[in-house]
Amino acid sequence: ETIKKDFPHVPILLTTGYYQVPARPLEHVVLQKPYDETALLTA
C-alpha cells in the first residue's frame, strides 16, 4: 500500500505460505508458497 502511494509506477507481486485473507479483497497477485522457478517467473 505504501509503494502504491509513493511509487505508483512500481508493480508488486506478493507471496505467502499462510495468510488469513482480509475482509477487503487484495489488489495484488499473491503467489502461494512453496513456489518453484516456473511459478515465480510466470507470476
All heavy atoms as atom14 arrays in JSON, in Angstrom:
{
  "sequence": "ETIKKDFPHVPILLTTGYYQVPARPLEHVVLQKPYDETALLTA",
  "atom14_mask": [
    [1, 1, 1, 1, 1, 1, 1, 1, 1, 0, 0, 0, 0, 0],
    [1, 1, 1, 1, 1, 1, 1, 0, 0, 0, 0, 0, 0, 0],
    [1, 1, 1, 1, 1, 1, 1, 1, 0, 0, 0, 0, 0, 0],
    [1, 1, 1, 1, 1, 1, 1, 1, 1, 0, 0, 0, 0, 0],
    [1, 1, 1, 1, 1, 1, 1, 1, 1, 0, 0, 0, 0, 0],
    [1, 1, 1, 1, 1, 1, 1, 1, 0, 0, 0, 0, 0, 0],
    [1, 1, 1, 1, 1, 1, 1, 1, 1, 1, 1, 0, 0, 0],
    [1, 1, 1, 1, 1, 1, 1, 0, 0, 0, 0, 0, 0, 0],
    [1, 1, 1, 1, 1, 1, 1, 1, 1, 1, 0, 0, 0, 0],
    [1, 1, 1, 1, 1, 1, 1, 0, 0, 0, 0, 0, 0, 0],
    [1, 1, 1, 1, 1, 1, 1, 0, 0, 0, 0, 0, 0, 0],
    [1, 1, 1, 1, 1, 1, 1, 1, 0, 0, 0, 0, 0, 0],
    [1, 1, 1, 1, 1, 1, 1, 1, 0, 0, 0, 0, 0, 0],
    [1, 1, 1, 1, 1, 1, 1, 1, 0, 0, 0, 0, 0, 0],
    [1, 1, 1, 1, 1, 1, 1, 0, 0, 0, 0, 0, 0, 0],
    [1, 1, 1, 1, 1, 1, 1, 0, 0, 0, 0, 0, 0, 0],
    [1, 1, 1, 1, 0, 0, 0, 0, 0, 0, 0, 0, 0, 0],
    [1, 1, 1, 1, 1, 1, 1, 1, 1, 1, 1, 1, 0, 0],
    [1, 1, 1, 1, 1, 1, 1, 1, 1, 1, 1, 1, 0, 0],
    [1, 1, 1, 1, 1, 1, 1, 1, 1, 0, 0, 0, 0, 0],
    [1, 1, 1, 1, 1, 1, 1, 0, 0, 0, 0, 0, 0, 0],
    [1, 1, 1, 1, 1, 1, 1, 0, 0, 0, 0, 0, 0, 0],
    [1, 1, 1, 1, 1, 0, 0, 0, 0, 0, 0, 0, 0, 0],
    [1, 1, 1, 1, 1, 1, 1, 1, 1, 1, 1, 0, 0, 0],
    [1, 1, 1, 1, 1, 1, 1, 0, 0, 0, 0, 0, 0, 0],
    [1, 1, 1, 1, 1, 1, 1, 1, 0, 0, 0, 0, 0, 0],
    [1, 1, 1, 1, 1, 1, 1, 1, 1, 0, 0, 0, 0, 0],
    [1, 1, 1, 1, 1, 1, 1, 1, 1, 1, 0, 0, 0, 0],
    [1, 1, 1, 1, 1, 1, 1, 0, 0, 0, 0, 0, 0, 0],
    [1, 1, 1, 1, 1, 1, 1, 0, 0, 0, 0, 0, 0, 0],
    [1, 1, 1, 1, 1, 1, 1, 1, 0, 0, 0, 0, 0, 0],
    [1, 1, 1, 1, 1, 1, 1, 1, 1, 0, 0, 0, 0, 0],
    [1, 1, 1, 1, 1, 1, 1, 1, 1, 0, 0, 0, 0, 0],
    [1, 1, 1, 1, 1, 1, 1, 0, 0, 0, 0, 0, 0, 0],
    [1, 1, 1, 1, 1, 1, 1, 1, 1, 1, 1, 1, 0, 0],
    [1, 1, 1, 1, 1, 1, 1, 1, 0, 0, 0, 0, 0, 0],
    [1, 1, 1, 1, 1, 1, 1, 1, 1, 0, 0, 0, 0, 0],
    [1, 1, 1, 1, 1, 1, 1, 0, 0, 0, 0, 0, 0, 0],
    [1, 1, 1, 1, 1, 0, 0, 0, 0, 0, 0, 0, 0, 0],
    [1, 1, 1, 1, 1, 1, 1, 1, 0, 0, 0, 0, 0, 0],
    [1, 1, 1, 1, 1, 1, 1, 1, 0, 0, 0, 0, 0, 0],
    [1, 1, 1, 1, 1, 1, 1, 0, 0, 0, 0, 0, 0, 0],
    [1, 1, 1, 1, 1, 0, 0, 0, 0, 0, 0, 0, 0, 0]
  ],
  "atom14_positions": [
    [[0.83, -1.2, 0.0], [0.0, 0.0, 0.0], [0.86, 1.26, 0.0], [0.55, 2.25, -0.66], [-0.94, -0.02, 1.2], [-2.03, -1.09, 1.09], [-2.87, -1.19, 2.35], [-2.47, -0.6, 3.38], [-3.92, -1.86, 2.31], [0.0, 0.0, 0.0], [0.0, 0.0, 0.0], [0.0, 0.0, 0.0], [0.0, 0.0, 0.0], [0.0, 0.0, 0.0]],
    [[1.97, 1.21, 0.75], [2.89, 2.36, 0.77], [3.54, 2.56, -0.6], [3.66, 3.69, -1.09], [3.97, 2.15, 1.84], [3.36, 1.97, 3.11], [4.92, 3.33, 1.9], [0.0, 0.0, 0.0], [0.0, 0.0, 0.0], [0.0, 0.0, 0.0], [0.0, 0.0, 0.0], [0.0, 0.0, 0.0], [0.0, 0.0, 0.0], [0.0, 0.0, 0.0]],
    [[3.95, 1.45, -1.22], [4.57, 1.54, -2.55], [3.57, 2.08, -3.57], [3.91, 2.92, -4.42], [5.1, 0.16, -2.98], [6.26, -0.28, -2.08], [5.55, 0.18, -4.44], [6.72, -1.71, -2.32], [0.0, 0.0, 0.0], [0.0, 0.0, 0.0], [0.0, 0.0, 0.0], [0.0, 0.0, 0.0], [0.0, 0.0, 0.0], [0.0, 0.0, 0.0]],
    [[2.34, 1.6, -3.5], [1.31, 2.07, -4.44], [1.11, 3.57, -4.31], [0.87, 4.27, -5.31], [0.0, 1.32, -4.18], [-1.1, 1.69, -5.16], [-2.37, 0.92, -4.87], [-3.48, 1.35, -5.84], [-4.74, 0.64, -5.55], [0.0, 0.0, 0.0], [0.0, 0.0, 0.0], [0.0, 0.0, 0.0], [0.0, 0.0, 0.0], [0.0, 0.0, 0.0]],
    [[1.21, 4.09, -3.09], [1.01, 5.51, -2.86], [2.23, 6.34, -3.27], [2.1, 7.36, -3.95], [0.7, 5.74, -1.37], [0.54, 7.21, -1.0], [0.31, 7.35, 0.5], [0.26, 8.83, 0.91], [0.1, 8.99, 2.38], [0.0, 0.0, 0.0], [0.0, 0.0, 0.0], [0.0, 0.0, 0.0], [0.0, 0.0, 0.0], [0.0, 0.0, 0.0]],
    [[3.42, 5.89, -2.87], [4.63, 6.7, -3.08], [5.39, 6.36, -4.35], [6.13, 7.18, -4.88], [5.57, 6.54, -1.88], [4.95, 7.04, -0.58], [4.02, 7.87, -0.66], [5.39, 6.61, 0.5], [0.0, 0.0, 0.0], [0.0, 0.0, 0.0], [0.0, 0.0, 0.0], [0.0, 0.0, 0.0], [0.0, 0.0, 0.0], [0.0, 0.0, 0.0]],
    [[5.21, 5.11, -4.86], [5.89, 4.68, -6.09], [4.87, 3.99, -7.0], [4.96, 2.79, -7.25], [7.05, 3.73, -5.76], [8.04, 4.26, -4.76], [7.87, 4.0, -3.4], [9.12, 5.03, -5.16], [8.77, 4.49, -2.46], [10.03, 5.52, -4.24], [9.86, 5.26, -2.89], [0.0, 0.0, 0.0], [0.0, 0.0, 0.0], [0.0, 0.0, 0.0]],
    [[3.88, 4.72, -7.48], [2.76, 4.09, -8.21], [3.16, 3.39, -9.49], [2.41, 2.55, -10.0], [1.83, 5.28, -8.51], [2.7, 6.49, -8.44], [3.74, 6.18, -7.4], [0.0, 0.0, 0.0], [0.0, 0.0, 0.0], [0.0, 0.0, 0.0], [0.0, 0.0, 0.0], [0.0, 0.0, 0.0], [0.0, 0.0, 0.0], [0.0, 0.0, 0.0]],
    [[4.34, 3.69, -10.02], [4.79, 3.07, -11.27], [5.43, 1.71, -11.05], [5.74, 1.01, -12.02], [5.79, 3.99, -11.97], [7.04, 4.22, -11.16], [7.05, 5.06, -10.06], [8.3, 3.72, -11.26], [8.27, 5.07, -9.53], [9.04, 4.26, -10.23], [0.0, 0.0, 0.0], [0.0, 0.0, 0.0], [0.0, 0.0, 0.0], [0.0, 0.0, 0.0]],
    [[5.65, 1.31, -9.79], [6.35, 0.06, -9.49], [5.33, -1.05, -9.21], [4.6, -0.99, -8.21], [7.29, 0.22, -8.28], [7.98, -1.09, -7.95], [8.32, 1.31, -8.55], [0.0, 0.0, 0.0], [0.0, 0.0, 0.0], [0.0, 0.0, 0.0], [0.0, 0.0, 0.0], [0.0, 0.0, 0.0], [0.0, 0.0, 0.0], [0.0, 0.0, 0.0]],
    [[5.23, -2.08, -10.06], [4.29, -3.18, -9.82], [4.76, -4.06, -8.66], [5.96, -4.13, -8.37], [4.28, -3.95, -11.14], [5.58, -3.62, -11.79], [5.94, -2.23, -11.35], [0.0, 0.0, 0.0], [0.0, 0.0, 0.0], [0.0, 0.0, 0.0], [0.0, 0.0, 0.0], [0.0, 0.0, 0.0], [0.0, 0.0, 0.0], [0.0, 0.0, 0.0]],
    [[3.81, -4.75, -8.03], [4.1, -5.51, -6.81], [3.56, -6.93, -6.95], [2.41, -7.13, -7.35], [3.45, -4.84, -5.58], [3.91, -3.38, -5.47], [3.77, -5.61, -4.31], [2.91, -2.49, -4.79], [0.0, 0.0, 0.0], [0.0, 0.0, 0.0], [0.0, 0.0, 0.0], [0.0, 0.0, 0.0], [0.0, 0.0, 0.0], [0.0, 0.0, 0.0]],
    [[4.39, -7.91, -6.62], [3.98, -9.31, -6.52], [4.2, -9.75, -5.09], [5.3, -9.61, -4.55], [4.81, -10.17, -7.48], [4.63, -11.69, -7.36], [3.2, -12.09, -7.72], [5.63, -12.43, -8.24], [0.0, 0.0, 0.0], [0.0, 0.0, 0.0], [0.0, 0.0, 0.0], [0.0, 0.0, 0.0], [0.0, 0.0, 0.0], [0.0, 0.0, 0.0]],
    [[3.14, -10.27, -4.45], [3.24, -10.73, -3.07], [3.32, -12.25, -3.02], [2.9, -12.94, -3.95], [2.02, -10.26, -2.27], [1.84, -8.75, -2.12], [0.52, -8.43, -1.43], [3.0, -8.14, -1.35], [0.0, 0.0, 0.0], [0.0, 0.0, 0.0], [0.0, 0.0, 0.0], [0.0, 0.0, 0.0], [0.0, 0.0, 0.0], [0.0, 0.0, 0.0]],
    [[3.86, -12.77, -1.93], [3.94, -14.22, -1.74], [3.71, -14.54, -0.27], [3.95, -13.71, 0.61], [5.31, -14.76, -2.19], [5.31, -16.2, -2.08], [6.44, -14.21, -1.34], [0.0, 0.0, 0.0], [0.0, 0.0, 0.0], [0.0, 0.0, 0.0], [0.0, 0.0, 0.0], [0.0, 0.0, 0.0], [0.0, 0.0, 0.0], [0.0, 0.0, 0.0]],
    [[3.21, -15.75, -0.02], [2.97, -16.15, 1.36], [2.82, -17.66, 1.45], [2.41, -18.31, 0.48], [1.7, -15.48, 1.93], [1.58, -15.8, 3.32], [0.45, -15.93, 1.21], [0.0, 0.0, 0.0], [0.0, 0.0, 0.0], [0.0, 0.0, 0.0], [0.0, 0.0, 0.0], [0.0, 0.0, 0.0], [0.0, 0.0, 0.0], [0.0, 0.0, 0.0]],
    [[3.18, -18.21, 2.59], [2.92, -19.61, 2.85], [1.59, -19.79, 3.55], [0.9, -20.77, 3.38], [0.0, 0.0, 0.0], [0.0, 0.0, 0.0], [0.0, 0.0, 0.0], [0.0, 0.0, 0.0], [0.0, 0.0, 0.0], [0.0, 0.0, 0.0], [0.0, 0.0, 0.0], [0.0, 0.0, 0.0], [0.0, 0.0, 0.0], [0.0, 0.0, 0.0]],
    [[1.23, -18.79, 4.35], [-0.08, -18.79, 5.01], [-0.4, -17.36, 5.4], [0.42, -16.66, 5.99], [-0.1, -19.64, 6.28], [-1.38, -19.42, 7.08], [-2.57, -20.01, 6.67], [-1.39, -18.59, 8.19], [-3.74, -19.79, 7.37], [-2.57, -18.37, 8.9], [-3.74, -18.98, 8.48], [-4.9, -18.76, 9.16], [0.0, 0.0, 0.0], [0.0, 0.0, 0.0]],
    [[-1.59, -16.93, 5.02], [-2.05, -15.61, 5.43], [-3.56, -15.6, 5.39], [-4.16, -16.04, 4.42], [-1.5, -14.51, 4.51], [-1.92, -13.12, 4.94], [-1.38, -12.55, 6.07], [-2.87, -12.41, 4.21], [-1.77, -11.27, 6.48], [-3.26, -11.14, 4.61], [-2.7, -10.58, 5.74], [-3.09, -9.33, 6.14], [0.0, 0.0, 0.0], [0.0, 0.0, 0.0]],
    [[-4.17, -15.13, 6.46], [-5.63, -15.06, 6.5], [-6.09, -13.91, 5.61], [-5.71, -12.76, 5.83], [-6.12, -14.84, 7.93], [-7.64, -14.91, 8.05], [-8.09, -14.84, 9.5], [-7.26, -14.74, 10.38], [-9.37, -14.91, 9.71], [0.0, 0.0, 0.0], [0.0, 0.0, 0.0], [0.0, 0.0, 0.0], [0.0, 0.0, 0.0], [0.0, 0.0, 0.0]],
    [[-6.91, -14.23, 4.63], [-7.35, -13.22, 3.67], [-8.18, -12.17, 4.39], [-9.11, -12.49, 5.12], [-8.19, -13.86, 2.55], [-8.67, -12.79, 1.57], [-7.35, -14.89, 1.81], [0.0, 0.0, 0.0], [0.0, 0.0, 0.0], [0.0, 0.0, 0.0], [0.0, 0.0, 0.0], [0.0, 0.0, 0.0], [0.0, 0.0, 0.0], [0.0, 0.0, 0.0]],
    [[-7.86, -10.87, 4.19], [-8.62, -9.82, 4.87], [-10.0, -9.66, 4.27], [-10.3, -10.19, 3.21], [-7.75, -8.57, 4.62], [-7.05, -8.87, 3.33], [-6.79, -10.34, 3.35], [0.0, 0.0, 0.0], [0.0, 0.0, 0.0], [0.0, 0.0, 0.0], [0.0, 0.0, 0.0], [0.0, 0.0, 0.0], [0.0, 0.0, 0.0], [0.0, 0.0, 0.0]],
    [[-10.86, -8.91, 4.99], [-12.23, -8.7, 4.51], [-12.21, -7.96, 3.17], [-13.01, -8.22, 2.29], [-13.02, -7.89, 5.54], [0.0, 0.0, 0.0], [0.0, 0.0, 0.0], [0.0, 0.0, 0.0], [0.0, 0.0, 0.0], [0.0, 0.0, 0.0], [0.0, 0.0, 0.0], [0.0, 0.0, 0.0], [0.0, 0.0, 0.0], [0.0, 0.0, 0.0]],
    [[-11.28, -7.01, 3.01], [-11.18, -6.28, 1.76], [-10.32, -7.08, 0.79], [-9.21, -7.48, 1.11], [-10.55, -4.91, 1.98], [-10.51, -4.06, 0.72], [-9.88, -2.72, 0.99], [-8.47, -2.85, 1.33], [-7.67, -1.82, 1.59], [-8.15, -0.61, 1.58], [-6.41, -2.01, 1.9], [0.0, 0.0, 0.0], [0.0, 0.0, 0.0], [0.0, 0.0, 0.0]],
    [[-10.79, -7.34, -0.44], [-10.02, -8.13, -1.39], [-8.68, -7.47, -1.7], [-8.57, -6.25, -1.8], [-10.92, -8.16, -2.64], [-12.29, -7.84, -2.14], [-12.1, -6.94, -0.96], [0.0, 0.0, 0.0], [0.0, 0.0, 0.0], [0.0, 0.0, 0.0], [0.0, 0.0, 0.0], [0.0, 0.0, 0.0], [0.0, 0.0, 0.0], [0.0, 0.0, 0.0]],
    [[-7.63, -8.3, -1.82], [-6.31, -7.78, -2.16], [-6.29, -7.3, -3.6], [-6.9, -7.9, -4.48], [-5.25, -8.87, -1.96], [-5.0, -9.32, -0.52], [-3.97, -10.43, -0.5], [-4.56, -8.17, 0.35], [0.0, 0.0, 0.0], [0.0, 0.0, 0.0], [0.0, 0.0, 0.0], [0.0, 0.0, 0.0], [0.0, 0.0, 0.0], [0.0, 0.0, 0.0]],
    [[-5.56, -6.2, -3.84], [-5.45, -5.66, -5.19], [-4.26, -6.25, -5.94], [-4.07, -5.94, -7.11], [-5.32, -4.13, -5.13], [-6.53, -3.44, -4.51], [-6.36, -1.94, -4.47], [-5.32, -1.45, -4.97], [-7.26, -1.25, -3.95], [0.0, 0.0, 0.0], [0.0, 0.0, 0.0], [0.0, 0.0, 0.0], [0.0, 0.0, 0.0], [0.0, 0.0, 0.0]],
    [[-3.46, -7.05, -5.27], [-2.23, -7.56, -5.88], [-2.29, -9.08, -6.02], [-2.95, -9.76, -5.25], [-1.01, -7.17, -5.02], [-0.97, -5.71, -4.66], [-0.59, -4.75, -5.55], [-1.3, -5.07, -3.52], [-0.66, -3.55, -4.96], [-1.09, -3.73, -3.73], [0.0, 0.0, 0.0], [0.0, 0.0, 0.0], [0.0, 0.0, 0.0], [0.0, 0.0, 0.0]],
    [[-1.57, -9.58, -7.03], [-1.46, -11.03, -7.21], [-0.66, -11.62, -6.05], [0.33, -11.02, -5.61], [-0.77, -11.34, -8.56], [-0.52, -12.84, -8.68], [-1.62, -10.84, -9.71], [0.0, 0.0, 0.0], [0.0, 0.0, 0.0], [0.0, 0.0, 0.0], [0.0, 0.0, 0.0], [0.0, 0.0, 0.0], [0.0, 0.0, 0.0], [0.0, 0.0, 0.0]],
    [[-1.08, -12.77, -5.55], [-0.39, -13.43, -4.45], [0.09, -14.79, -4.93], [-0.71, -15.63, -5.34], [-1.29, -13.59, -3.21], [-0.54, -14.33, -2.11], [-1.76, -12.23, -2.72], [0.0, 0.0, 0.0], [0.0, 0.0, 0.0], [0.0, 0.0, 0.0], [0.0, 0.0, 0.0], [0.0, 0.0, 0.0], [0.0, 0.0, 0.0], [0.0, 0.0, 0.0]],
    [[1.4, -15.02, -4.89], [2.0, -16.3, -5.26], [2.12, -17.14, -3.99], [2.77, -16.75, -3.02], [3.38, -16.06, -5.87], [4.2, -17.29, -6.25], [3.5, -18.06, -7.37], [5.61, -16.9, -6.66], [0.0, 0.0, 0.0], [0.0, 0.0, 0.0], [0.0, 0.0, 0.0], [0.0, 0.0, 0.0], [0.0, 0.0, 0.0], [0.0, 0.0, 0.0]],
    [[1.49, -18.3, -4.01], [1.49, -19.16, -2.83], [2.82, -19.93, -2.72], [3.36, -20.4, -3.71], [0.34, -20.16, -2.9], [-1.04, -19.51, -2.83], [-1.32, -18.89, -1.46], [-0.81, -19.36, -0.45], [-2.12, -17.84, -1.44], [0.0, 0.0, 0.0], [0.0, 0.0, 0.0], [0.0, 0.0, 0.0], [0.0, 0.0, 0.0], [0.0, 0.0, 0.0]],
    [[3.32, -20.01, -1.48], [4.47, -20.87, -1.2], [3.97, -22.28, -0.89], [2.88, -22.42, -0.33], [5.25, -20.33, 0.01], [5.91, -18.98, -0.2], [6.62, -18.55, 1.08], [7.31, -17.22, 0.94], [7.95, -16.78, 2.19], [0.0, 0.0, 0.0], [0.0, 0.0, 0.0], [0.0, 0.0, 0.0], [0.0, 0.0, 0.0], [0.0, 0.0, 0.0]],
    [[4.72, -23.31, -1.21], [6.01, -23.25, -1.9], [5.83, -23.01, -3.39], [4.88, -23.49, -3.99], [6.59, -24.65, -1.64], [5.39, -25.52, -1.5], [4.34, -24.68, -0.83], [0.0, 0.0, 0.0], [0.0, 0.0, 0.0], [0.0, 0.0, 0.0], [0.0, 0.0, 0.0], [0.0, 0.0, 0.0], [0.0, 0.0, 0.0], [0.0, 0.0, 0.0]],
    [[6.72, -22.23, -3.97], [6.7, -21.98, -5.41], [8.0, -22.5, -6.02], [9.02, -22.61, -5.34], [6.52, -20.49, -5.71], [7.55, -19.59, -5.04], [8.84, -19.45, -5.56], [7.22, -18.86, -3.9], [9.78, -18.62, -4.96], [8.15, -18.04, -3.28], [9.43, -17.91, -3.82], [10.35, -17.11, -3.22], [0.0, 0.0, 0.0], [0.0, 0.0, 0.0]],
    [[7.95, -22.83, -7.31], [9.16, -23.25, -7.99], [9.6, -22.16, -8.97], [9.0, -21.08, -9.03], [8.96, -24.59, -8.72], [7.83, -24.53, -9.74], [7.39, -23.42, -10.09], [7.38, -25.6, -10.19], [0.0, 0.0, 0.0], [0.0, 0.0, 0.0], [0.0, 0.0, 0.0], [0.0, 0.0, 0.0], [0.0, 0.0, 0.0], [0.0, 0.0, 0.0]],
    [[10.63, -22.44, -9.72], [11.19, -21.45, -10.64], [10.15, -21.0, -11.66], [9.97, -19.8, -11.92], [12.41, -22.06, -11.35], [13.07, -21.1, -12.33], [14.27, -21.74, -13.0], [14.35, -22.98, -13.01], [15.12, -21.0, -13.52], [0.0, 0.0, 0.0], [0.0, 0.0, 0.0], [0.0, 0.0, 0.0], [0.0, 0.0, 0.0], [0.0, 0.0, 0.0]],
    [[9.43, -21.97, -12.23], [8.44, -21.64, -13.26], [7.33, -20.76, -12.7], [6.93, -19.77, -13.31], [7.83, -22.93, -13.84], [8.87, -23.71, -14.41], [6.8, -22.61, -14.91], [0.0, 0.0, 0.0], [0.0, 0.0, 0.0], [0.0, 0.0, 0.0], [0.0, 0.0, 0.0], [0.0, 0.0, 0.0], [0.0, 0.0, 0.0], [0.0, 0.0, 0.0]],
    [[6.83, -21.11, -11.51], [5.73, -20.34, -10.92], [6.16, -18.91, -10.63], [5.41, -17.95, -10.9], [5.25, -21.02, -9.64], [0.0, 0.0, 0.0], [0.0, 0.0, 0.0], [0.0, 0.0, 0.0], [0.0, 0.0, 0.0], [0.0, 0.0, 0.0], [0.0, 0.0, 0.0], [0.0, 0.0, 0.0], [0.0, 0.0, 0.0], [0.0, 0.0, 0.0]],
    [[7.37, -18.72, -10.09], [7.84, -17.38, -9.76], [8.03, -16.54, -11.02], [7.56, -15.4, -11.1], [9.16, -17.45, -8.97], [9.87, -16.11, -8.72], [8.93, -15.11, -8.05], [11.12, -16.32, -7.89], [0.0, 0.0, 0.0], [0.0, 0.0, 0.0], [0.0, 0.0, 0.0], [0.0, 0.0, 0.0], [0.0, 0.0, 0.0], [0.0, 0.0, 0.0]],
    [[8.7, -17.1, -12.03], [8.96, -16.33, -13.25], [7.67, -16.01, -13.99], [7.49, -14.92, -14.54], [9.93, -17.08, -14.16], [11.34, -17.28, -13.59], [12.21, -18.06, -14.57], [11.99, -15.94, -13.27], [0.0, 0.0, 0.0], [0.0, 0.0, 0.0], [0.0, 0.0, 0.0], [0.0, 0.0, 0.0], [0.0, 0.0, 0.0], [0.0, 0.0, 0.0]],
    [[6.73, -16.95, -14.01], [5.44, -16.72, -14.68], [4.67, -15.63, -13.96], [4.1, -14.73, -14.59], [4.62, -18.0, -14.72], [5.36, -19.02, -15.41], [3.3, -17.78, -15.43], [0.0, 0.0, 0.0], [0.0, 0.0, 0.0], [0.0, 0.0, 0.0], [0.0, 0.0, 0.0], [0.0, 0.0, 0.0], [0.0, 0.0, 0.0], [0.0, 0.0, 0.0]],
    [[4.61, -15.72, -12.63], [3.87, -14.71, -11.86], [4.5, -13.34, -12.02], [3.79, -12.33, -12.16], [3.86, -15.11, -10.38], [0.0, 0.0, 0.0], [0.0, 0.0, 0.0], [0.0, 0.0, 0.0], [0.0, 0.0, 0.0], [0.0, 0.0, 0.0], [0.0, 0.0, 0.0], [0.0, 0.0, 0.0], [0.0, 0.0, 0.0], [0.0, 0.0, 0.0]]
  ]
}
